[in-house]
Protein backbone atom coordinates (compact mmCIF):
# COMPACT_ATOMS: atom_id res chain seq x y z
CA MET A 1 -23.87 -80.93 -27.73
CA SER A 2 -27.35 -82.04 -28.88
CA ILE A 3 -28.05 -81.83 -33.17
CA GLU A 4 -30.95 -79.42 -32.18
CA ARG A 5 -28.17 -77.20 -30.33
CA ARG A 6 -25.87 -77.18 -32.73
CA LEU A 7 -28.21 -76.35 -35.28
CA LYS A 8 -29.35 -73.35 -33.48
CA ARG A 9 -25.89 -71.95 -32.78
CA ASP A 10 -24.48 -72.38 -36.47
CA VAL A 11 -28.19 -70.87 -37.86
CA PHE A 12 -27.20 -67.90 -34.99
CA ILE A 13 -23.32 -67.55 -36.27
CA TYR A 14 -24.83 -67.98 -40.01
CA LEU A 15 -27.06 -64.70 -39.02
CA ILE A 16 -24.73 -62.58 -37.09
CA LEU A 17 -21.80 -62.62 -39.85
CA ASN A 18 -23.98 -61.71 -42.39
CA ASN A 19 -25.47 -58.43 -40.00
CA GLU A 20 -29.19 -59.92 -39.40
CA HIS A 21 -30.67 -59.70 -36.29
CA PHE A 22 -32.08 -63.64 -35.08
CA GLU A 23 -31.38 -63.19 -31.22
CA ASP A 24 -29.74 -61.47 -28.26
CA LEU A 25 -26.39 -62.39 -27.77
CA SER A 26 -26.08 -63.41 -24.56
CA ASN A 27 -28.31 -66.34 -26.01
CA TYR A 28 -25.47 -67.49 -27.89
CA THR A 29 -24.42 -70.53 -26.78
CA PRO A 30 -20.79 -71.17 -27.31
CA THR A 31 -18.19 -73.86 -28.29
CA LEU A 32 -15.92 -74.80 -25.51
CA GLU A 33 -12.66 -74.70 -27.19
CA TYR A 34 -11.39 -71.21 -25.24
CA TYR A 35 -13.39 -72.41 -22.03
CA ASN A 36 -10.95 -75.75 -22.12
CA ILE A 37 -7.92 -74.60 -22.33
CA VAL A 38 -8.21 -71.71 -19.98
CA LYS A 39 -9.93 -74.30 -17.32
CA GLN A 40 -7.08 -76.15 -17.34
CA LEU A 41 -4.23 -73.42 -16.90
CA LEU A 42 -6.55 -72.42 -13.73
CA ASN A 43 -6.71 -74.22 -9.88
CA GLU A 44 -9.27 -75.59 -8.42
CA GLU A 45 -9.87 -71.97 -6.24
CA TRP A 46 -11.07 -70.18 -10.10
CA LYS A 47 -14.13 -70.10 -11.48
CA ILE A 48 -15.68 -69.68 -14.79
CA ARG A 49 -18.71 -67.96 -15.85
CA LYS A 50 -20.19 -66.95 -18.89
CA GLU A 51 -21.42 -63.32 -19.42
CA GLY A 52 -23.09 -62.64 -23.01
CA ILE A 53 -20.22 -63.07 -25.69
CA TRP A 54 -17.66 -63.57 -22.53
CA PHE A 55 -15.92 -66.16 -20.22
CA VAL A 56 -15.23 -64.79 -16.83
CA ALA A 57 -12.26 -66.11 -15.01
CA TYR A 58 -12.28 -65.22 -11.40
CA ASN A 59 -11.67 -66.43 -7.88
CA PRO A 60 -14.33 -65.45 -4.83
CA ARG A 61 -11.16 -64.83 -2.70
CA ILE A 62 -10.59 -61.41 -4.97
CA LYS A 63 -12.79 -58.58 -4.81
CA LEU A 64 -13.17 -56.77 -7.73
CA PRO A 65 -13.26 -53.19 -7.65
CA GLN A 66 -15.70 -50.92 -8.95
CA GLN A 67 -13.82 -49.38 -11.24
CA GLY A 68 -10.00 -48.66 -12.96
CA TRP A 69 -7.46 -48.91 -15.11
CA LYS A 70 -8.41 -52.11 -17.84
CA ILE A 71 -5.80 -54.04 -19.97
CA HIS A 72 -7.32 -55.39 -23.13
CA ILE A 73 -5.50 -58.41 -24.91
CA SER A 74 -6.18 -58.28 -28.88
CA GLY A 75 -6.24 -61.18 -30.36
CA THR A 76 -7.29 -62.71 -33.91
CA ILE A 77 -8.93 -66.50 -34.49
CA LEU A 78 -4.86 -67.24 -35.76
CA ASN A 79 -3.11 -66.32 -32.18
CA ALA A 80 -5.82 -66.37 -30.02
CA GLU A 81 -4.59 -69.81 -28.11
CA LYS A 82 -1.50 -69.19 -27.99
CA ILE A 83 -2.14 -66.01 -26.36
CA LEU A 84 -4.49 -68.04 -23.58
CA LYS A 85 -1.56 -70.10 -22.99
CA THR A 86 0.66 -67.58 -22.50
CA VAL A 87 -1.19 -64.89 -20.62
CA VAL A 88 -3.09 -66.95 -18.01
CA PRO A 89 -0.72 -68.25 -15.74
CA LEU A 90 0.45 -64.90 -15.38
CA LEU A 91 -2.89 -63.75 -14.66
CA MET A 92 -3.63 -66.84 -11.82
CA LYS A 93 -0.30 -66.34 -10.18
CA GLU A 94 -1.07 -62.39 -9.84
CA LYS A 95 -4.67 -62.85 -8.64
CA THR A 96 -6.30 -61.03 -11.68
CA VAL A 97 -9.77 -61.34 -12.92
CA PHE A 98 -9.99 -61.43 -16.70
CA LYS A 99 -12.58 -62.43 -19.48
CA PHE A 100 -12.16 -63.71 -22.44
CA ILE A 101 -14.25 -64.37 -25.68
CA CYS A 102 -16.13 -67.19 -25.59
CA ASP A 103 -14.55 -68.71 -29.12
CA SER A 104 -13.34 -68.03 -32.06
CA LYS A 105 -16.52 -67.69 -34.22
CA ILE A 106 -17.10 -64.84 -32.01
CA LEU A 107 -13.72 -63.84 -32.11
CA GLY A 108 -13.99 -63.42 -35.98
CA PHE A 109 -17.25 -61.85 -35.80
CA VAL A 110 -15.95 -59.13 -33.45
CA ASN A 111 -12.94 -58.47 -35.36
CA SER A 112 -14.81 -58.45 -38.63
CA LYS A 113 -16.23 -55.35 -40.21
CA ASN A 114 -19.46 -54.67 -39.36
CA TYR A 115 -18.39 -55.03 -35.51
CA ASN A 116 -18.69 -51.37 -33.42
CA ARG A 117 -15.10 -49.81 -33.78
CA ALA A 118 -15.32 -48.94 -30.31
CA SER A 119 -15.24 -52.65 -29.13
CA SER A 120 -12.96 -54.19 -31.63
CA GLY A 121 -10.22 -56.43 -31.03
CA LYS A 122 -10.73 -57.04 -27.70
CA PHE A 123 -9.84 -60.46 -27.26
CA ILE A 124 -9.01 -60.40 -23.20
CA THR A 125 -10.16 -58.00 -20.60
CA ILE A 126 -7.84 -57.65 -17.38
CA TYR A 127 -9.44 -55.76 -14.25
CA PRO A 128 -6.02 -55.10 -12.23
CA ASN A 129 -7.48 -54.48 -8.21
CA ASP A 130 -5.23 -50.99 -8.57
CA GLU A 131 -3.19 -48.47 -10.46
CA ILE A 132 0.29 -50.13 -8.55
CA ILE A 133 -0.54 -53.67 -9.69
CA PHE A 134 -2.07 -52.02 -12.98
CA LYS A 135 0.99 -50.98 -13.93
CA SER A 136 3.46 -53.62 -12.53
CA LEU A 137 1.14 -56.59 -14.62
CA ILE A 138 1.37 -54.60 -18.20
CA GLU A 139 4.80 -54.33 -18.45
CA LYS A 140 5.28 -58.36 -17.61
CA ILE A 141 1.94 -58.94 -19.84
CA TYR A 142 3.86 -56.57 -22.69
CA ILE A 143 7.10 -58.22 -21.98
CA LEU A 144 5.35 -62.12 -22.83
CA THR A 145 2.76 -61.10 -25.56
CA ARG A 146 5.65 -59.52 -27.82
CA GLU A 147 5.17 -61.83 -31.14
CA PHE A 148 1.53 -61.36 -30.91
CA SER A 149 -0.66 -58.85 -32.61
CA GLY A 150 -4.06 -57.86 -33.19
CA PRO A 151 -6.73 -55.39 -34.25
CA TYR A 152 -5.91 -52.12 -33.05
CA ILE A 153 -8.06 -51.26 -30.40
CA PHE A 154 -9.63 -47.71 -31.42
CA SER A 155 -11.32 -47.08 -27.60
CA ASP A 156 -7.90 -47.88 -25.95
CA LYS A 157 -3.98 -46.69 -25.71
CA ASN A 158 -1.38 -49.27 -26.63
CA TYR A 159 1.00 -49.94 -24.66
CA ARG A 160 4.66 -48.93 -25.78
CA ASP A 161 5.13 -50.41 -29.28
CA SER A 162 2.81 -53.23 -28.25
CA LYS A 163 0.46 -54.30 -31.43
CA SER A 164 -1.90 -56.39 -28.65
CA VAL A 165 -1.72 -55.11 -25.44
CA PHE A 166 -3.60 -52.16 -24.78
CA TYR A 167 -5.54 -50.32 -21.91
CA ARG A 168 -8.12 -47.79 -20.81
CA TYR A 169 -10.17 -46.39 -17.60
CA GLY A 170 -13.47 -47.85 -17.59
CA GLY A 171 -15.86 -49.68 -15.06
CA PHE A 172 -15.28 -53.16 -14.17
CA GLN A 173 -18.80 -53.75 -12.31
CA PHE A 174 -21.72 -52.62 -14.16
CA LYS A 175 -23.35 -49.46 -12.30
CA TYR A 176 -26.25 -47.39 -14.48
CA LEU A 177 -28.33 -44.25 -14.32
CA ILE A 178 -31.39 -44.64 -16.05
CA ASN A 179 -32.00 -41.94 -18.61
CA ILE A 180 -35.42 -40.28 -19.78
CA PHE A 181 -36.01 -43.15 -22.19
CA GLY A 182 -35.29 -45.95 -19.55
CA GLU A 183 -32.37 -46.86 -21.08
CA LYS A 184 -29.39 -47.87 -18.62
CA ILE A 185 -26.72 -45.67 -19.29
CA PRO A 186 -23.46 -47.39 -17.57
CA VAL A 187 -21.49 -44.58 -15.40
CA ILE A 188 -18.16 -44.26 -13.57
CA SER A 189 -17.69 -42.07 -10.49
CA THR A 190 -14.75 -39.11 -10.71
CA PRO A 191 -12.36 -38.22 -8.09
CA SER A 192 -15.00 -35.41 -6.36
CA GLY A 193 -17.74 -37.96 -6.30
CA ASN A 194 -19.65 -37.17 -9.05
CA LEU A 195 -21.29 -39.45 -11.93
CA ILE A 196 -20.37 -39.46 -14.96
CA PRO A 197 -21.23 -41.79 -18.16
CA ASP A 198 -18.67 -44.66 -18.77
CA GLU A 199 -18.41 -44.19 -22.37
CA ARG A 200 -17.05 -46.73 -25.42
CA LEU A 201 -15.90 -44.39 -27.86
CA PRO A 202 -13.72 -44.86 -30.83
CA TYR A 203 -10.86 -43.61 -29.76
CA PHE A 204 -8.69 -43.09 -26.40
CA PHE A 205 -10.30 -40.78 -23.85
CA ILE A 206 -9.97 -40.31 -20.45
CA PRO A 207 -12.76 -39.58 -17.92
CA GLU A 208 -12.69 -36.02 -15.80
CA GLY A 209 -10.22 -36.08 -12.55
CA ILE A 210 -7.94 -39.31 -14.20
CA LYS A 211 -4.50 -39.17 -15.29
CA ASP A 212 -2.91 -41.63 -17.48
CA PRO A 213 -0.29 -43.34 -15.14
CA PHE A 214 1.90 -43.17 -18.36
CA GLU A 215 1.86 -39.69 -19.19
CA GLU A 216 4.35 -37.34 -18.63
CA ALA A 217 2.98 -34.17 -17.21
CA VAL A 218 2.75 -31.62 -19.33
CA GLU A 219 4.92 -28.30 -19.27
CA LYS A 220 2.98 -25.14 -18.46
CA ASN A 221 4.26 -23.88 -21.49
CA GLU A 222 3.22 -26.48 -23.45
CA GLU A 223 0.04 -26.45 -22.49
CA ILE A 224 -2.68 -27.56 -25.64
CA PRO A 225 -4.83 -24.42 -26.48
CA GLU A 226 -8.50 -24.44 -25.66
CA LYS A 227 -9.16 -23.76 -29.25
CA VAL A 228 -7.88 -26.06 -32.18
CA GLU A 229 -8.12 -25.61 -35.89
CA LYS A 230 -9.97 -28.40 -37.63
CA LEU A 231 -6.84 -30.97 -38.50
CA LYS A 232 -6.49 -31.37 -42.03
CA ILE A 233 -5.07 -34.66 -43.37
CA THR A 234 -3.11 -35.36 -46.36
CA LEU A 235 -2.82 -38.68 -47.35
CA ASN A 236 0.41 -39.61 -49.14
CA GLN A 237 1.46 -36.13 -49.61
CA HIS A 238 -1.13 -35.53 -52.27
CA TYR A 239 -4.87 -36.53 -51.09
CA LEU A 240 -6.50 -34.12 -48.91
CA ILE A 241 -8.96 -35.51 -46.89
CA GLU A 242 -12.28 -33.60 -47.66
CA GLU A 243 -15.40 -35.72 -45.62
CA ALA A 244 -15.67 -38.81 -44.14
CA ILE A 245 -18.48 -40.83 -46.13
CA MET A 246 -18.89 -43.47 -44.24
CA PHE A 247 -17.20 -45.82 -41.39
CA SER A 248 -16.41 -49.33 -40.56
CA ASN A 249 -14.59 -51.41 -38.55
CA LYS A 250 -12.03 -52.67 -40.92
CA GLY A 251 -11.67 -48.35 -42.19
CA GLY A 252 -13.27 -45.54 -43.62
CA VAL A 253 -14.54 -44.14 -47.11
CA TYR A 254 -13.59 -40.78 -47.84
CA LYS A 255 -13.87 -37.80 -50.39
CA ALA A 256 -10.81 -36.25 -51.07
CA LYS A 257 -9.10 -33.71 -53.55
CA ASP A 258 -5.98 -34.63 -55.34
CA LEU A 259 -3.65 -31.35 -54.56
CA ARG A 260 -1.76 -31.76 -57.82
CA ASN A 261 -4.82 -31.44 -59.98
CA ASN A 262 -7.64 -30.46 -57.93
CA ASN A 263 -9.48 -33.76 -59.03
CA GLN A 264 -11.92 -34.98 -56.64
CA MET A 265 -11.39 -38.61 -55.48
CA ILE A 266 -12.64 -41.62 -53.56
CA ILE A 267 -9.84 -42.96 -51.13
CA LYS A 268 -11.30 -46.63 -49.48
CA GLU A 269 -8.69 -47.82 -46.21
CA ALA A 270 -8.36 -51.07 -44.88
CA ARG A 271 -6.61 -51.35 -41.70
CA PRO A 272 -4.70 -55.11 -40.83
CA LEU A 273 -6.11 -58.01 -38.77
CA VAL A 274 -9.63 -57.39 -39.71
CA ASP A 275 -11.77 -59.69 -41.31
CA LEU A 276 -8.73 -62.24 -41.10
CA ASP A 277 -9.57 -65.58 -42.37
CA TYR A 278 -7.75 -68.84 -41.55
CA ASN A 279 -5.61 -68.22 -44.70
CA GLY A 280 -4.04 -65.51 -43.51
CA ASN A 281 -6.35 -62.95 -45.32
CA ASP A 282 -7.44 -59.84 -44.05
CA ALA A 283 -8.91 -56.26 -45.31
CA ILE A 284 -5.95 -55.39 -46.81
CA ASN A 285 -5.77 -58.39 -48.65
CA ILE A 286 -9.70 -57.12 -49.79
CA LEU A 287 -8.47 -54.22 -50.71
CA LYS A 288 -5.54 -55.43 -53.10
CA LYS A 289 -7.48 -57.68 -54.71
CA GLU A 290 -10.35 -54.52 -55.56
CA PHE A 291 -7.13 -53.00 -57.04
CA ARG A 292 -6.69 -56.26 -59.56
CA VAL A 293 -10.08 -56.04 -60.31
CA LEU A 294 -10.26 -52.57 -60.91
CA ASN A 295 -6.76 -52.83 -63.17
CA LYS A 296 -8.62 -55.92 -65.19
CA MET A 297 -11.56 -53.76 -65.92
CA GLN A 298 -9.83 -50.20 -66.84
CA GLU A 299 -10.88 -50.47 -70.56
CA THR A 300 -14.46 -51.33 -70.31
CA GLY A 301 -15.76 -48.21 -68.74
CA PHE A 302 -17.76 -50.18 -66.15
CA VAL A 303 -15.40 -49.38 -63.18
CA PRO A 304 -13.99 -46.18 -61.97
CA LYS A 305 -10.38 -45.31 -62.69
CA VAL A 306 -8.36 -46.69 -60.32
CA ILE A 307 -5.28 -43.87 -59.39
CA ASP A 308 -3.41 -45.63 -56.80
CA LEU A 309 -2.83 -47.77 -54.07
CA PHE A 310 -0.36 -47.35 -51.25
CA GLN A 311 0.21 -47.77 -47.47
CA GLU A 312 0.26 -45.28 -44.57
CA TRP A 313 1.24 -46.40 -41.17
CA GLU A 314 -0.09 -49.85 -40.67
CA HIS A 315 -3.38 -49.18 -43.24
CA TRP A 316 -3.45 -49.40 -46.45
CA PHE A 317 -5.64 -46.93 -49.09
CA LEU A 318 -7.30 -47.39 -52.57
CA VAL A 319 -7.41 -44.06 -54.30
CA MET A 320 -10.15 -43.94 -57.46
CA GLU A 321 -11.97 -41.03 -59.22
CA TYR A 322 -15.03 -39.58 -57.87
CA ILE A 323 -18.21 -41.02 -59.85
CA ASP A 324 -20.56 -38.38 -60.36
CA GLY A 325 -23.90 -39.83 -59.69
CA VAL A 326 -26.56 -41.77 -57.48
CA ILE A 327 -26.37 -45.36 -56.46
CA LEU A 328 -29.15 -47.65 -58.10
CA SER A 329 -31.13 -48.19 -55.01
CA ASN A 330 -31.68 -44.37 -54.63
CA TYR A 331 -32.48 -43.85 -57.98
CA ARG A 332 -35.29 -46.11 -58.54
CA ALA A 333 -36.75 -43.56 -55.69
CA VAL A 334 -36.50 -40.62 -57.35
CA GLU A 335 -39.69 -38.67 -58.12
CA GLY A 336 -40.49 -39.35 -61.81
CA ILE A 337 -38.35 -42.70 -62.37
CA GLY A 338 -39.83 -45.48 -60.52
CA LEU A 339 -43.12 -47.11 -60.63
CA ILE A 340 -44.27 -47.68 -57.10
CA LEU A 341 -44.09 -44.03 -56.31
CA ARG A 342 -46.10 -42.98 -59.19
CA LYS A 343 -49.87 -41.57 -59.06
CA ASN A 344 -50.73 -42.99 -62.10
CA TRP A 345 -49.45 -45.16 -65.10
CA SER A 346 -50.10 -44.09 -68.33
CA TYR A 347 -48.87 -45.05 -71.40
CA ASP A 348 -46.52 -42.52 -72.22
CA ILE A 349 -45.11 -42.91 -68.16
CA ILE A 350 -44.92 -46.97 -68.77
CA LYS A 351 -42.70 -46.57 -72.10
CA ASP A 352 -40.38 -44.33 -70.75
CA PHE A 353 -39.43 -46.18 -67.53
CA TYR A 354 -39.66 -49.72 -69.96
CA GLU A 355 -36.66 -47.76 -72.01
CA LYS A 356 -34.79 -46.66 -69.56
CA MET A 357 -34.89 -49.43 -67.87
CA SER A 358 -34.01 -51.61 -71.39
CA LYS A 359 -30.84 -49.43 -71.38
CA ILE A 360 -29.53 -49.76 -67.52
CA ILE A 361 -30.47 -53.54 -68.07
CA GLU A 362 -28.19 -53.64 -71.07
CA GLN A 363 -25.54 -51.97 -69.52
CA LEU A 364 -25.74 -54.44 -66.36
CA VAL A 365 -25.68 -57.13 -69.18
CA ARG A 366 -22.51 -56.01 -71.18
CA ALA A 367 -20.75 -55.56 -68.09
CA ILE A 368 -21.12 -58.85 -66.12
CA SER A 369 -20.10 -60.19 -69.46
CA PHE A 370 -17.21 -58.22 -69.27
CA PHE A 371 -16.22 -59.41 -65.73
CA HIS A 372 -16.65 -63.16 -66.59
CA ASN A 373 -15.00 -63.02 -69.93
CA ASN A 374 -11.79 -61.25 -67.49
CA GLY A 375 -12.25 -63.86 -64.62
CA ILE A 376 -13.54 -62.20 -62.33
CA ILE A 377 -17.11 -63.03 -60.44
CA ILE A 378 -18.51 -59.80 -58.77
CA GLY A 379 -20.10 -61.79 -55.46
CA ASP A 380 -22.53 -58.63 -54.69
CA VAL A 381 -24.25 -57.63 -57.25
CA SER A 382 -27.09 -55.03 -55.71
CA PRO A 383 -28.15 -51.81 -56.56
CA ASN A 384 -26.46 -50.53 -53.45
CA ASN A 385 -22.78 -51.30 -55.09
CA ILE A 386 -24.27 -49.53 -58.73
CA ILE A 387 -23.91 -46.13 -59.26
CA ILE A 388 -26.11 -44.47 -62.49
CA ASN A 389 -25.92 -40.78 -63.65
CA MET A 390 -29.16 -39.21 -63.62
CA GLU A 391 -28.73 -37.67 -67.37
CA THR A 392 -26.32 -40.13 -69.20
CA LEU A 393 -27.73 -43.38 -67.43
CA ARG A 394 -24.31 -44.66 -67.74
CA ILE A 395 -23.63 -46.92 -64.23
CA LYS A 396 -20.27 -48.23 -62.87
CA PHE A 397 -19.89 -51.08 -60.59
CA ILE A 398 -18.45 -49.51 -57.27
CA ASP A 399 -17.66 -51.85 -54.64
CA PHE A 400 -15.90 -55.23 -55.05
CA GLU A 401 -14.80 -56.72 -51.81
CA GLY A 402 -17.07 -59.93 -52.26
CA ALA A 403 -15.73 -60.12 -55.99
CA TYR A 404 -13.35 -63.14 -56.75
CA LEU A 405 -10.98 -63.61 -59.45
CA SER A 406 -10.25 -67.23 -60.81
CA GLU A 407 -6.54 -66.56 -61.48
CA ASP A 408 -6.26 -65.88 -57.23
CA LYS A 409 -3.65 -68.42 -55.38
CA TYR A 410 -6.34 -70.26 -53.38
CA TYR A 411 -9.51 -71.17 -54.79
CA ASN A 412 -11.22 -70.83 -51.63
CA TYR A 413 -10.14 -67.23 -51.23
CA PHE A 414 -13.07 -65.20 -51.28
CA TYR A 415 -14.93 -62.75 -49.05
CA PRO A 416 -18.25 -63.77 -48.06
CA ILE A 417 -20.18 -60.60 -48.46
CA PHE A 418 -23.71 -60.25 -49.84
CA THR A 419 -26.87 -57.97 -49.76
CA SER A 420 -29.68 -59.65 -48.70
CA GLY A 421 -32.21 -60.16 -51.07
CA PHE A 422 -29.70 -60.08 -53.77
CA ALA A 423 -28.12 -63.74 -53.15
CA SER A 424 -28.68 -66.82 -54.87
CA PRO A 425 -29.10 -69.94 -52.44
CA GLU A 426 -25.82 -71.38 -52.92
CA LYS A 427 -24.58 -68.30 -51.91
CA LEU A 428 -26.53 -68.47 -48.90
CA ARG A 429 -25.49 -72.01 -47.95
CA GLY A 430 -21.48 -70.66 -48.26
CA GLN A 431 -20.75 -71.96 -51.00
CA THR A 432 -17.86 -70.90 -53.39
CA PRO A 433 -18.68 -68.48 -56.01
CA SER A 434 -19.90 -68.85 -59.16
CA TYR A 435 -21.04 -66.81 -62.11
CA GLU A 436 -24.47 -68.06 -61.70
CA ASP A 437 -24.35 -66.43 -58.59
CA ASP A 438 -23.91 -62.94 -60.41
CA TYR A 439 -26.84 -64.64 -62.75
CA TYR A 440 -29.16 -64.81 -60.11
CA ALA A 441 -28.14 -61.39 -58.21
CA LEU A 442 -28.51 -59.88 -61.69
CA GLY A 443 -31.83 -61.27 -62.09
CA SER A 444 -32.90 -59.94 -58.31
CA LEU A 445 -31.55 -56.50 -59.50
CA ILE A 446 -33.86 -56.38 -62.40
CA TYR A 447 -36.90 -57.09 -60.29
CA SER A 448 -35.91 -54.56 -57.28
CA LEU A 449 -36.02 -51.79 -60.37
CA ILE A 450 -39.36 -52.76 -61.25
CA LEU A 451 -40.77 -53.86 -57.61
CA PRO A 452 -38.16 -53.48 -54.45
CA VAL A 453 -39.53 -56.28 -52.71
CA ASN A 454 -37.00 -58.61 -52.61
CA GLU A 455 -36.51 -59.02 -48.56
CA THR A 456 -39.96 -60.67 -48.66
CA PHE A 457 -39.09 -64.00 -50.67
CA LYS A 458 -37.37 -64.96 -47.53
CA PHE A 459 -40.80 -65.36 -46.06
CA ASP A 460 -42.90 -66.92 -48.70
CA GLU A 461 -40.99 -67.93 -52.12
CA SER A 462 -44.11 -67.92 -54.16
CA LEU A 463 -44.34 -64.24 -53.89
CA LYS A 464 -41.49 -63.77 -56.27
CA ASP A 465 -43.98 -65.21 -59.27
CA ARG A 466 -47.21 -63.32 -57.83
CA PHE A 467 -46.21 -60.01 -57.31
CA LEU A 468 -44.00 -59.96 -60.74
CA LYS A 469 -47.53 -61.08 -62.34
CA GLU A 470 -49.39 -58.76 -60.57
CA ILE A 471 -47.20 -55.96 -61.62
CA LEU A 472 -46.48 -56.49 -65.18
CA THR A 473 -50.36 -56.98 -65.84
CA ASP A 474 -51.03 -53.91 -63.79
CA THR A 475 -48.44 -51.47 -65.86
CA GLY A 476 -48.85 -53.11 -69.40
CA LEU A 477 -44.50 -54.02 -69.28
CA PRO A 478 -43.92 -56.65 -71.79
CA HIS A 479 -44.18 -60.33 -69.45
CA VAL A 480 -40.96 -61.71 -71.50
CA ILE A 481 -39.42 -59.44 -68.61
CA GLN A 482 -40.89 -62.19 -66.36
CA ASN A 483 -39.22 -64.71 -68.42
CA ILE A 484 -36.15 -62.86 -68.13
CA ILE A 485 -36.26 -62.34 -63.96
CA LEU A 486 -37.51 -65.83 -63.49
CA GLY A 487 -35.15 -67.16 -65.75
CA LEU A 488 -32.46 -65.41 -64.37
CA MET A 489 -33.39 -66.23 -60.50
CA ASN A 490 -33.99 -70.53 -61.44
CA LYS A 491 -33.25 -72.44 -58.26
CA ASP A 492 -31.24 -75.06 -60.51
CA LYS A 493 -28.17 -72.73 -61.46
CA ALA A 494 -28.06 -74.95 -64.48
CA LYS A 495 -30.79 -73.44 -65.77
CA ARG A 496 -30.23 -70.42 -64.98
CA LEU A 497 -30.79 -67.57 -68.14
CA ALA A 498 -26.83 -66.43 -69.25
CA PRO A 499 -27.09 -62.76 -69.75
CA ASP A 500 -25.95 -62.77 -73.39
CA LYS A 501 -29.91 -63.85 -73.78
CA ILE A 502 -31.31 -60.89 -72.59
CA ILE A 503 -30.31 -58.49 -74.72
CA HIS A 504 -32.00 -59.76 -77.89
CA ILE A 505 -35.32 -60.55 -75.84
CA LEU A 506 -35.33 -57.22 -74.81
CA GLU A 507 -34.87 -55.52 -78.02
CA ASN A 508 -37.40 -57.64 -79.32
CA ALA A 509 -40.08 -56.78 -76.71
CA LYS A 510 -42.61 -54.18 -77.37
CA ILE A 511 -45.11 -52.31 -74.97
């Protein structure tokens, strides 16, 4: 591979792993690590072609049906090669077309937090020619793959007790209709000949007129009623789930009530083998790390109180107190708070803004000092990870997925997560976290409280100085703020302003 192509590939991977759009996945140039394994296992009758993030292995003599029961094998970057070497010889023998994720970087992305929940986990997709072959083949694959585990595939049903073999009904060949927006909608045919959407849902779904070949018939007196009361879910016998705040591939964040005292709680979920690294750490390890961070910081008042950490089924859950307030990125947009949405900048308005901002900055500085004194690098300091009480202006840090503890067994065990516009140059290059990364992010955060335009600095670094100087001049805010922000965001991390010096500067800065 040429240097140019390799650079393009690495830049692309860097961007998609950080959830930024660069180019369509179909243009990705994969490595040949999995291709070479499969190529060596197939005879000369078989061909391999690239389709998006997949390699399709096919025999031109085999005619692929339009639709049917698919078999999916879930895998990880740690067992992918073994799975291919175990399964591919059987598929060639059974003359069954299949496709596989093109390389380990894409497989890691597919099994990451930010990937679509309905598609995550799928490493190999197998297309049996009919239902009889499907039932025979999935049993053989089940026997061969008992030792393997992969992320649970939400769109599928796992076969027997397998942790890597799943199945669902869907289209084998792309057939579509055009909707009113001009979009191509994949469709399949019902037994009666009607066309219905071939939906990829984050739960197992059987299309109209199709029966699960492994599901026993339901007795008439056991028929499911048409209307079912809303399911109430209680975790660990104590926590009644009231609403889902958000979902990601690694799990959800829920608002719950503790049935023992009726207190409101926030519960974070982590499922196994998502965000897996080469040390074997996954989303569950990250959640346990958050638990340790919270415990270390309980006495500071800058984090929620940690209530519980427990496992239910294969998933782990972290329970924290519910914090009343808004995230800092929303606070700065509240009418009468931020500068940008103001119709005028009178002396009283600027004075009120500066006093409130100083109070927030002072807390940020003290909090970061507490974290660092406890051997914790926060890693992802951004206005999205801080909650502020609108009345008291008290702040709390709420998300520690990107945190790093110096006491961890593996020095390089850290989750490379950050918020765009708040990451230091070193963090963008994937270097090991440092306290100076938090300094830089703090400078970006203070900047965003005044003028939330951090994203523009990626295109023109000089805008950082120009915008800041003009907004300070126009508003009459003390120009020492410029020294604070740019001192924290210095390109040379050795020259970044230590947070403990900021409070003294603010105390002596007057409007």
